[in-house]
Amino acid sequence: MDQRVGFRASHRFARISARKARYVMDLVRGLPVEAALTDLRFSLKRAAPMITKVIKSALANATQAAGLEPEKLYVAVALVDGGPSVKRWKARAMGRPRPRIRRSCHLSVVLREKLPDEKGKGRRRPAEKASALGREGGESRTGSEAAREAGGKEGR
């Protein structure tokens, strides 16, 4: 378990569904703070400004409380939890009601300082992943190709 201090910020009851916010939060998890803010600036998703505010708030907590440099911080934890749903009704054909569920979520971010021994902290690019797996050019194998190489039967 990681015992280092983290700088937190959260946005509770954000008026967006958790599923939509998770797509954007997955983009920034594990990135350095400056790279995460740059990615969010060019994202066209509706959750991007909300997540940007949360990261900037956590960054302000880190710089004011501990006097850390933004270049030394990375997004260690990025969570999206479901919030309460508000149930409403809307009239449809012949005046009959249909339910509308207005979803909300809770956005949470924890920033941590990179230690000097963690030179490769953060996500790897696809080409780096492929080279780490012993493949060239980012090519991937399907399940049947992997089975053939292992000498097993192909999937039915």
N, C-alpha and C. Protein backbone atom coordinates (compact mmCIF):
# COMPACT_ATOMS: atom_id res chain seq x y z
N MET A 1 0.85 -1.19 0.00
CA MET A 1 0.00 0.00 0.00
C MET A 1 0.88 1.24 0.00
N ASP A 2 0.49 2.22 -0.75
CA ASP A 2 1.26 3.44 -0.87
C ASP A 2 0.94 4.37 0.30
N GLN A 3 1.97 4.72 1.10
CA GLN A 3 1.76 5.52 2.29
C GLN A 3 2.05 7.01 2.07
N ARG A 4 2.38 7.41 0.82
CA ARG A 4 2.68 8.82 0.57
C ARG A 4 1.42 9.67 0.68
N VAL A 5 1.64 10.94 1.00
CA VAL A 5 0.52 11.87 1.15
C VAL A 5 -0.03 12.22 -0.23
N GLY A 6 -1.34 12.38 -0.28
CA GLY A 6 -1.99 12.77 -1.52
C GLY A 6 -2.81 14.03 -1.29
N PHE A 7 -2.98 14.80 -2.34
CA PHE A 7 -3.75 16.04 -2.25
C PHE A 7 -5.05 15.83 -3.00
N ARG A 8 -6.15 15.96 -2.27
CA ARG A 8 -7.45 15.58 -2.78
C ARG A 8 -8.30 16.79 -3.18
N ALA A 9 -9.22 16.51 -4.09
CA ALA A 9 -10.29 17.45 -4.42
C ALA A 9 -11.44 16.63 -4.98
N SER A 10 -12.64 17.12 -4.81
CA SER A 10 -13.79 16.39 -5.33
C SER A 10 -14.89 17.36 -5.75
N HIS A 11 -15.71 16.89 -6.65
CA HIS A 11 -16.91 17.61 -7.08
C HIS A 11 -18.05 16.65 -6.86
N ARG A 12 -18.86 16.94 -5.88
CA ARG A 12 -19.97 16.05 -5.57
C ARG A 12 -21.24 16.55 -6.25
N PHE A 13 -22.09 15.61 -6.59
CA PHE A 13 -23.37 15.86 -7.23
C PHE A 13 -23.21 16.56 -8.58
N ALA A 14 -22.21 16.17 -9.35
CA ALA A 14 -22.02 16.72 -10.70
C ALA A 14 -23.16 16.24 -11.57
N ARG A 15 -23.76 17.14 -12.32
CA ARG A 15 -24.95 16.80 -13.12
C ARG A 15 -24.56 16.19 -14.46
N ILE A 16 -23.95 15.02 -14.40
CA ILE A 16 -23.61 14.25 -15.59
C ILE A 16 -23.60 12.79 -15.14
N SER A 17 -23.92 11.89 -16.04
CA SER A 17 -23.94 10.49 -15.64
C SER A 17 -22.51 9.99 -15.41
N ALA A 18 -22.38 9.04 -14.51
CA ALA A 18 -21.07 8.51 -14.16
C ALA A 18 -20.41 7.85 -15.36
N ARG A 19 -21.18 7.22 -16.20
CA ARG A 19 -20.63 6.53 -17.37
C ARG A 19 -19.96 7.51 -18.32
N LYS A 20 -20.60 8.65 -18.54
CA LYS A 20 -20.02 9.65 -19.44
C LYS A 20 -18.78 10.30 -18.84
N ALA A 21 -18.78 10.50 -17.53
CA ALA A 21 -17.63 11.12 -16.89
C ALA A 21 -16.44 10.17 -16.82
N ARG A 22 -16.70 8.86 -16.73
CA ARG A 22 -15.60 7.89 -16.65
C ARG A 22 -14.76 7.87 -17.91
N TYR A 23 -15.37 8.11 -19.08
CA TYR A 23 -14.60 8.14 -20.32
C TYR A 23 -13.51 9.21 -20.24
N VAL A 24 -13.85 10.36 -19.70
CA VAL A 24 -12.89 11.46 -19.62
C VAL A 24 -11.90 11.22 -18.48
N MET A 25 -12.36 10.69 -17.36
CA MET A 25 -11.47 10.45 -16.24
C MET A 25 -10.42 9.39 -16.58
N ASP A 26 -10.78 8.43 -17.43
CA ASP A 26 -9.82 7.41 -17.85
C ASP A 26 -8.69 8.02 -18.68
N LEU A 27 -8.96 9.14 -19.34
CA LEU A 27 -7.92 9.80 -20.15
C LEU A 27 -6.80 10.36 -19.29
N VAL A 28 -7.11 10.84 -18.10
CA VAL A 28 -6.12 11.58 -17.30
C VAL A 28 -5.51 10.76 -16.18
N ARG A 29 -6.05 9.60 -15.88
CA ARG A 29 -5.54 8.80 -14.77
C ARG A 29 -4.09 8.38 -15.04
N GLY A 30 -3.20 8.69 -14.11
CA GLY A 30 -1.79 8.31 -14.23
C GLY A 30 -0.92 9.30 -14.96
N LEU A 31 -1.48 10.36 -15.49
CA LEU A 31 -0.70 11.35 -16.23
C LEU A 31 -0.12 12.42 -15.30
N PRO A 32 0.97 13.08 -15.71
CA PRO A 32 1.41 14.27 -14.99
C PRO A 32 0.32 15.35 -15.08
N VAL A 33 0.27 16.21 -14.10
CA VAL A 33 -0.82 17.19 -14.01
C VAL A 33 -0.88 18.09 -15.24
N GLU A 34 0.27 18.56 -15.69
CA GLU A 34 0.26 19.46 -16.85
C GLU A 34 -0.24 18.75 -18.10
N ALA A 35 0.15 17.50 -18.30
CA ALA A 35 -0.32 16.73 -19.46
C ALA A 35 -1.82 16.47 -19.36
N ALA A 36 -2.29 16.20 -18.14
CA ALA A 36 -3.72 15.95 -17.94
C ALA A 36 -4.54 17.19 -18.26
N LEU A 37 -4.08 18.36 -17.80
CA LEU A 37 -4.82 19.60 -18.08
C LEU A 37 -4.80 19.93 -19.57
N THR A 38 -3.69 19.63 -20.24
CA THR A 38 -3.62 19.86 -21.70
C THR A 38 -4.59 18.95 -22.43
N ASP A 39 -4.64 17.68 -22.05
CA ASP A 39 -5.57 16.75 -22.69
C ASP A 39 -7.02 17.19 -22.48
N LEU A 40 -7.33 17.65 -21.28
CA LEU A 40 -8.70 18.07 -21.00
C LEU A 40 -9.06 19.35 -21.74
N ARG A 41 -8.09 20.22 -21.97
CA ARG A 41 -8.37 21.46 -22.68
C ARG A 41 -8.86 21.18 -24.11
N PHE A 42 -8.35 20.12 -24.71
CA PHE A 42 -8.72 19.82 -26.10
C PHE A 42 -9.78 18.73 -26.21
N SER A 43 -10.30 18.28 -25.09
CA SER A 43 -11.36 17.28 -25.12
C SER A 43 -12.70 17.97 -25.37
N LEU A 44 -13.52 17.36 -26.18
CA LEU A 44 -14.83 17.93 -26.52
C LEU A 44 -15.95 17.38 -25.64
N LYS A 45 -15.63 16.52 -24.71
CA LYS A 45 -16.64 15.92 -23.85
C LYS A 45 -17.15 16.92 -22.81
N ARG A 46 -18.40 16.77 -22.42
CA ARG A 46 -19.03 17.70 -21.48
C ARG A 46 -18.42 17.61 -20.08
N ALA A 47 -17.84 16.47 -19.73
CA ALA A 47 -17.26 16.30 -18.40
C ALA A 47 -15.89 16.94 -18.29
N ALA A 48 -15.26 17.30 -19.39
CA ALA A 48 -13.88 17.82 -19.36
C ALA A 48 -13.74 19.08 -18.50
N PRO A 49 -14.61 20.09 -18.63
CA PRO A 49 -14.45 21.27 -17.75
C PRO A 49 -14.65 20.96 -16.27
N MET A 50 -15.54 20.03 -15.96
CA MET A 50 -15.77 19.66 -14.56
C MET A 50 -14.54 19.00 -13.97
N ILE A 51 -13.92 18.09 -14.72
CA ILE A 51 -12.74 17.38 -14.24
C ILE A 51 -11.55 18.33 -14.18
N THR A 52 -11.48 19.29 -15.13
CA THR A 52 -10.41 20.28 -15.09
C THR A 52 -10.47 21.08 -13.80
N LYS A 53 -11.66 21.49 -13.39
CA LYS A 53 -11.81 22.25 -12.15
C LYS A 53 -11.37 21.43 -10.94
N VAL A 54 -11.69 20.14 -10.94
CA VAL A 54 -11.32 19.30 -9.81
C VAL A 54 -9.80 19.15 -9.74
N ILE A 55 -9.15 18.94 -10.89
CA ILE A 55 -7.69 18.80 -10.91
C ILE A 55 -7.03 20.11 -10.49
N LYS A 56 -7.55 21.24 -10.97
CA LYS A 56 -6.97 22.53 -10.57
C LYS A 56 -7.14 22.78 -9.08
N SER A 57 -8.25 22.34 -8.51
CA SER A 57 -8.47 22.50 -7.08
C SER A 57 -7.49 21.65 -6.28
N ALA A 58 -7.27 20.42 -6.71
CA ALA A 58 -6.30 19.55 -6.04
C ALA A 58 -4.88 20.12 -6.20
N LEU A 59 -4.60 20.71 -7.36
CA LEU A 59 -3.30 21.34 -7.60
C LEU A 59 -3.10 22.53 -6.67
N ALA A 60 -4.14 23.32 -6.47
CA ALA A 60 -4.06 24.45 -5.54
C ALA A 60 -3.84 23.96 -4.11
N ASN A 61 -4.51 22.86 -3.75
CA ASN A 61 -4.30 22.29 -2.41
C ASN A 61 -2.84 21.86 -2.23
N ALA A 62 -2.25 21.29 -3.25
CA ALA A 62 -0.87 20.80 -3.16
C ALA A 62 0.12 21.95 -3.11
N THR A 63 -0.10 22.98 -3.92
CA THR A 63 0.87 24.07 -3.97
C THR A 63 0.75 24.96 -2.73
N GLN A 64 -0.44 25.14 -2.18
CA GLN A 64 -0.60 25.99 -1.00
C GLN A 64 -0.22 25.27 0.28
N ALA A 65 -0.62 24.01 0.41
CA ALA A 65 -0.37 23.29 1.65
C ALA A 65 1.10 22.87 1.79
N ALA A 66 1.66 22.34 0.72
CA ALA A 66 3.01 21.78 0.82
C ALA A 66 4.04 22.54 0.00
N GLY A 67 3.60 23.50 -0.81
CA GLY A 67 4.53 24.27 -1.64
C GLY A 67 5.19 23.45 -2.73
N LEU A 68 4.48 22.46 -3.25
CA LEU A 68 5.05 21.60 -4.29
C LEU A 68 4.97 22.26 -5.65
N GLU A 69 5.86 21.86 -6.54
CA GLU A 69 5.85 22.34 -7.92
C GLU A 69 4.86 21.50 -8.73
N PRO A 70 4.09 22.12 -9.64
CA PRO A 70 3.14 21.35 -10.46
C PRO A 70 3.82 20.31 -11.35
N GLU A 71 5.09 20.54 -11.71
CA GLU A 71 5.79 19.60 -12.59
C GLU A 71 6.08 18.27 -11.89
N LYS A 72 6.07 18.27 -10.55
CA LYS A 72 6.40 17.07 -9.80
C LYS A 72 5.17 16.23 -9.45
N LEU A 73 3.98 16.69 -9.81
CA LEU A 73 2.76 16.00 -9.42
C LEU A 73 2.17 15.21 -10.58
N TYR A 74 1.48 14.12 -10.23
CA TYR A 74 0.76 13.34 -11.22
C TYR A 74 -0.59 12.92 -10.64
N VAL A 75 -1.52 12.54 -11.50
CA VAL A 75 -2.86 12.13 -11.09
C VAL A 75 -2.77 10.68 -10.64
N ALA A 76 -2.73 10.47 -9.34
CA ALA A 76 -2.56 9.13 -8.80
C ALA A 76 -3.89 8.37 -8.77
N VAL A 77 -4.93 9.02 -8.33
CA VAL A 77 -6.25 8.39 -8.22
C VAL A 77 -7.26 9.29 -8.89
N ALA A 78 -8.08 8.72 -9.75
CA ALA A 78 -9.14 9.48 -10.42
C ALA A 78 -10.39 8.61 -10.43
N LEU A 79 -11.35 8.96 -9.61
CA LEU A 79 -12.54 8.14 -9.43
C LEU A 79 -13.80 8.88 -9.86
N VAL A 80 -14.74 8.11 -10.38
CA VAL A 80 -16.08 8.62 -10.67
C VAL A 80 -17.05 7.65 -10.02
N ASP A 81 -17.77 8.11 -9.03
CA ASP A 81 -18.77 7.30 -8.33
C ASP A 81 -20.16 7.81 -8.68
N GLY A 82 -21.09 6.92 -8.73
CA GLY A 82 -22.46 7.31 -9.03
C GLY A 82 -23.08 8.09 -7.89
N GLY A 83 -23.84 9.09 -8.23
CA GLY A 83 -24.54 9.89 -7.24
C GLY A 83 -26.03 9.57 -7.27
N PRO A 84 -26.83 10.37 -6.59
CA PRO A 84 -28.26 10.11 -6.58
C PRO A 84 -28.90 10.42 -7.92
N SER A 85 -29.95 9.69 -8.24
CA SER A 85 -30.70 9.92 -9.46
C SER A 85 -32.02 10.59 -9.11
N VAL A 86 -32.39 11.57 -9.90
CA VAL A 86 -33.66 12.27 -9.70
C VAL A 86 -34.63 11.75 -10.75
N LYS A 87 -35.78 11.29 -10.29
CA LYS A 87 -36.75 10.70 -11.21
C LYS A 87 -37.82 11.73 -11.56
N ARG A 88 -37.99 11.95 -12.84
CA ARG A 88 -38.99 12.89 -13.34
C ARG A 88 -39.83 12.18 -14.39
N TRP A 89 -40.95 12.84 -14.79
CA TRP A 89 -41.83 12.28 -15.80
C TRP A 89 -41.96 13.26 -16.94
N LYS A 90 -42.07 12.74 -18.14
CA LYS A 90 -42.27 13.58 -19.32
C LYS A 90 -43.43 13.02 -20.12
N ALA A 91 -44.27 13.92 -20.61
CA ALA A 91 -45.42 13.49 -21.39
C ALA A 91 -44.97 13.02 -22.77
N ARG A 92 -45.51 11.90 -23.23
CA ARG A 92 -45.20 11.37 -24.55
C ARG A 92 -46.49 11.25 -25.34
N ALA A 93 -46.60 10.25 -26.16
CA ALA A 93 -47.76 10.13 -27.05
C ALA A 93 -49.06 10.04 -26.26
N MET A 94 -50.05 10.77 -26.72
CA MET A 94 -51.39 10.82 -26.12
C MET A 94 -51.35 11.20 -24.64
N GLY A 95 -50.36 11.99 -24.26
CA GLY A 95 -50.27 12.50 -22.90
C GLY A 95 -49.83 11.51 -21.86
N ARG A 96 -49.37 10.34 -22.27
CA ARG A 96 -48.97 9.32 -21.30
C ARG A 96 -47.56 9.62 -20.77
N PRO A 97 -47.34 9.40 -19.51
CA PRO A 97 -46.02 9.75 -18.93
C PRO A 97 -44.97 8.66 -19.19
N ARG A 98 -43.76 9.10 -19.35
CA ARG A 98 -42.60 8.21 -19.46
C ARG A 98 -41.54 8.71 -18.47
N PRO A 99 -40.85 7.80 -17.83
CA PRO A 99 -39.87 8.24 -16.83
C PRO A 99 -38.62 8.85 -17.47
N ARG A 100 -38.07 9.85 -16.77
CA ARG A 100 -36.78 10.45 -17.12
C ARG A 100 -35.92 10.35 -15.87
N ILE A 101 -34.76 9.77 -16.01
CA ILE A 101 -33.88 9.63 -14.87
C ILE A 101 -32.71 10.59 -15.07
N ARG A 102 -32.59 11.57 -14.18
CA ARG A 102 -31.53 12.56 -14.24
C ARG A 102 -30.40 12.09 -13.32
N ARG A 103 -29.34 11.61 -13.90
CA ARG A 103 -28.27 11.01 -13.12
C ARG A 103 -27.24 12.05 -12.68
N SER A 104 -26.55 11.74 -11.60
CA SER A 104 -25.46 12.59 -11.13
C SER A 104 -24.31 11.69 -10.70
N CYS A 105 -23.16 12.30 -10.44
CA CYS A 105 -22.00 11.51 -10.03
C CYS A 105 -21.10 12.35 -9.12
N HIS A 106 -20.14 11.69 -8.51
CA HIS A 106 -19.16 12.32 -7.65
C HIS A 106 -17.79 12.13 -8.29
N LEU A 107 -17.08 13.23 -8.57
CA LEU A 107 -15.76 13.19 -9.18
C LEU A 107 -14.71 13.40 -8.09
N SER A 108 -13.72 12.52 -8.02
CA SER A 108 -12.67 12.63 -7.00
C SER A 108 -11.31 12.45 -7.66
N VAL A 109 -10.35 13.29 -7.25
CA VAL A 109 -8.99 13.24 -7.78
C VAL A 109 -8.01 13.32 -6.62
N VAL A 110 -6.94 12.52 -6.69
CA VAL A 110 -5.85 12.59 -5.72
C VAL A 110 -4.56 12.79 -6.51
N LEU A 111 -3.83 13.84 -6.18
CA LEU A 111 -2.53 14.10 -6.80
C LEU A 111 -1.43 13.69 -5.83
N ARG A 112 -0.38 13.09 -6.37
CA ARG A 112 0.77 12.72 -5.56
C ARG A 112 2.04 13.21 -6.22
N GLU A 113 3.07 13.33 -5.41
CA GLU A 113 4.36 13.78 -5.91
C GLU A 113 5.15 12.59 -6.45
N LYS A 114 5.79 12.80 -7.61
CA LYS A 114 6.66 11.77 -8.17
C LYS A 114 7.93 11.72 -7.35
N LEU A 115 8.34 10.54 -6.99
CA LEU A 115 9.61 10.37 -6.29
C LEU A 115 10.73 10.26 -7.31
N PRO A 116 11.97 10.59 -6.95
CA PRO A 116 13.07 10.53 -7.91
C PRO A 116 13.31 9.13 -8.48
N ASP A 117 13.01 8.07 -7.71
CA ASP A 117 13.22 6.72 -8.21
C ASP A 117 12.13 6.26 -9.17
N GLU A 118 11.04 7.05 -9.32
CA GLU A 118 9.94 6.71 -10.21
C GLU A 118 10.08 7.49 -11.51
N LYS A 119 11.09 7.20 -12.29
CA LYS A 119 11.27 7.98 -13.50
C LYS A 119 10.24 7.65 -14.57
N GLY A 120 9.66 6.47 -14.57
CA GLY A 120 8.69 6.09 -15.60
C GLY A 120 7.26 6.12 -15.12
N LYS A 121 6.96 6.93 -14.09
CA LYS A 121 5.60 6.94 -13.57
C LYS A 121 4.64 7.52 -14.59
N GLY A 122 3.51 6.91 -14.75
CA GLY A 122 2.51 7.37 -15.71
C GLY A 122 2.22 6.28 -16.73
N ARG A 123 1.36 6.60 -17.66
CA ARG A 123 0.95 5.62 -18.65
C ARG A 123 1.99 5.49 -19.75
N ARG A 124 2.05 4.30 -20.32
CA ARG A 124 2.92 4.09 -21.47
C ARG A 124 2.12 4.25 -22.74
N ARG A 125 2.81 4.67 -23.77
CA ARG A 125 2.16 4.80 -25.08
C ARG A 125 2.00 3.41 -25.68
N PRO A 126 1.08 3.22 -26.67
CA PRO A 126 0.86 1.88 -27.24
C PRO A 126 2.13 1.26 -27.82
N ALA A 127 2.99 2.04 -28.46
CA ALA A 127 4.22 1.48 -29.02
C ALA A 127 5.14 0.99 -27.90
N GLU A 128 5.17 1.70 -26.78
CA GLU A 128 6.00 1.28 -25.66
C GLU A 128 5.45 0.00 -25.03
N LYS A 129 4.12 -0.13 -24.98
CA LYS A 129 3.52 -1.35 -24.45
C LYS A 129 3.88 -2.53 -25.32
N ALA A 130 3.81 -2.33 -26.64
CA ALA A 130 4.10 -3.43 -27.56
C ALA A 130 5.55 -3.85 -27.45
N SER A 131 6.46 -2.88 -27.33
CA SER A 131 7.87 -3.24 -27.20
C SER A 131 8.13 -3.91 -25.86
N ALA A 132 7.39 -3.53 -24.84
CA ALA A 132 7.55 -4.18 -23.55
C ALA A 132 7.07 -5.62 -23.60
N LEU A 133 6.11 -5.91 -24.48
CA LEU A 133 5.60 -7.26 -24.62
C LEU A 133 6.40 -8.09 -25.63
N GLY A 134 7.40 -7.49 -26.24
CA GLY A 134 8.23 -8.22 -27.19
C GLY A 134 7.71 -8.19 -28.61
N ARG A 135 6.80 -7.28 -28.92
CA ARG A 135 6.26 -7.17 -30.27
C ARG A 135 6.74 -5.87 -30.89
N GLU A 136 6.76 -5.83 -32.19
CA GLU A 136 7.21 -4.63 -32.87
C GLU A 136 6.04 -3.93 -33.53
N GLY A 137 6.09 -2.61 -33.58
CA GLY A 137 5.11 -1.82 -34.33
C GLY A 137 3.74 -1.80 -33.73
N GLY A 138 3.57 -2.22 -32.49
CA GLY A 138 2.27 -2.14 -31.85
C GLY A 138 1.29 -3.18 -32.32
N GLU A 139 1.78 -4.25 -33.01
CA GLU A 139 0.86 -5.26 -33.51
C GLU A 139 0.35 -6.08 -32.34
N SER A 140 -0.85 -6.56 -32.45
CA SER A 140 -1.42 -7.35 -31.37
C SER A 140 -1.85 -8.70 -31.91
N ARG A 141 -1.98 -9.65 -31.02
CA ARG A 141 -2.39 -10.99 -31.42
C ARG A 141 -3.82 -11.21 -30.98
N THR A 142 -4.55 -11.94 -31.79
CA THR A 142 -5.90 -12.32 -31.38
C THR A 142 -5.79 -13.58 -30.55
N GLY A 143 -6.89 -13.98 -29.94
CA GLY A 143 -6.88 -15.17 -29.10
C GLY A 143 -6.53 -16.43 -29.87
N SER A 144 -7.01 -16.55 -31.11
CA SER A 144 -6.72 -17.75 -31.88
C SER A 144 -5.26 -17.80 -32.30
N GLU A 145 -4.65 -16.62 -32.60
CA GLU A 145 -3.24 -16.60 -32.96
C GLU A 145 -2.39 -17.00 -31.77
N ALA A 146 -2.74 -16.53 -30.59
CA ALA A 146 -1.98 -16.89 -29.40
C ALA A 146 -2.11 -18.38 -29.11
N ALA A 147 -3.30 -18.95 -29.35
CA ALA A 147 -3.49 -20.38 -29.11
C ALA A 147 -2.67 -21.20 -30.09
N ARG A 148 -2.62 -20.76 -31.38
CA ARG A 148 -1.83 -21.48 -32.38
C ARG A 148 -0.37 -21.49 -32.02
N GLU A 149 0.13 -20.33 -31.55
CA GLU A 149 1.55 -20.25 -31.17
C GLU A 149 1.84 -21.12 -29.96
N ALA A 150 0.88 -21.26 -29.06
CA ALA A 150 1.08 -22.08 -27.88
C ALA A 150 0.89 -23.56 -28.18
N GLY A 151 0.41 -23.88 -29.38
CA GLY A 151 0.23 -25.27 -29.76
C GLY A 151 -1.12 -25.82 -29.39
N GLY A 152 -2.01 -24.97 -28.95
CA GLY A 152 -3.33 -25.42 -28.55
C GLY A 152 -4.31 -25.39 -29.72
N LYS A 153 -5.55 -25.75 -29.45
CA LYS A 153 -6.59 -25.74 -30.48
C LYS A 153 -7.13 -24.33 -30.62
N GLU A 154 -7.65 -24.03 -31.80
CA GLU A 154 -8.27 -22.74 -32.05
C GLU A 154 -9.62 -22.67 -31.36
N GLY A 155 -10.03 -21.46 -30.98
CA GLY A 155 -11.34 -21.29 -30.33
C GLY A 155 -12.48 -21.68 -31.24
N ARG A 156 -13.51 -22.31 -30.68
CA ARG A 156 -14.63 -22.77 -31.51
C ARG A 156 -15.71 -21.76 -31.58
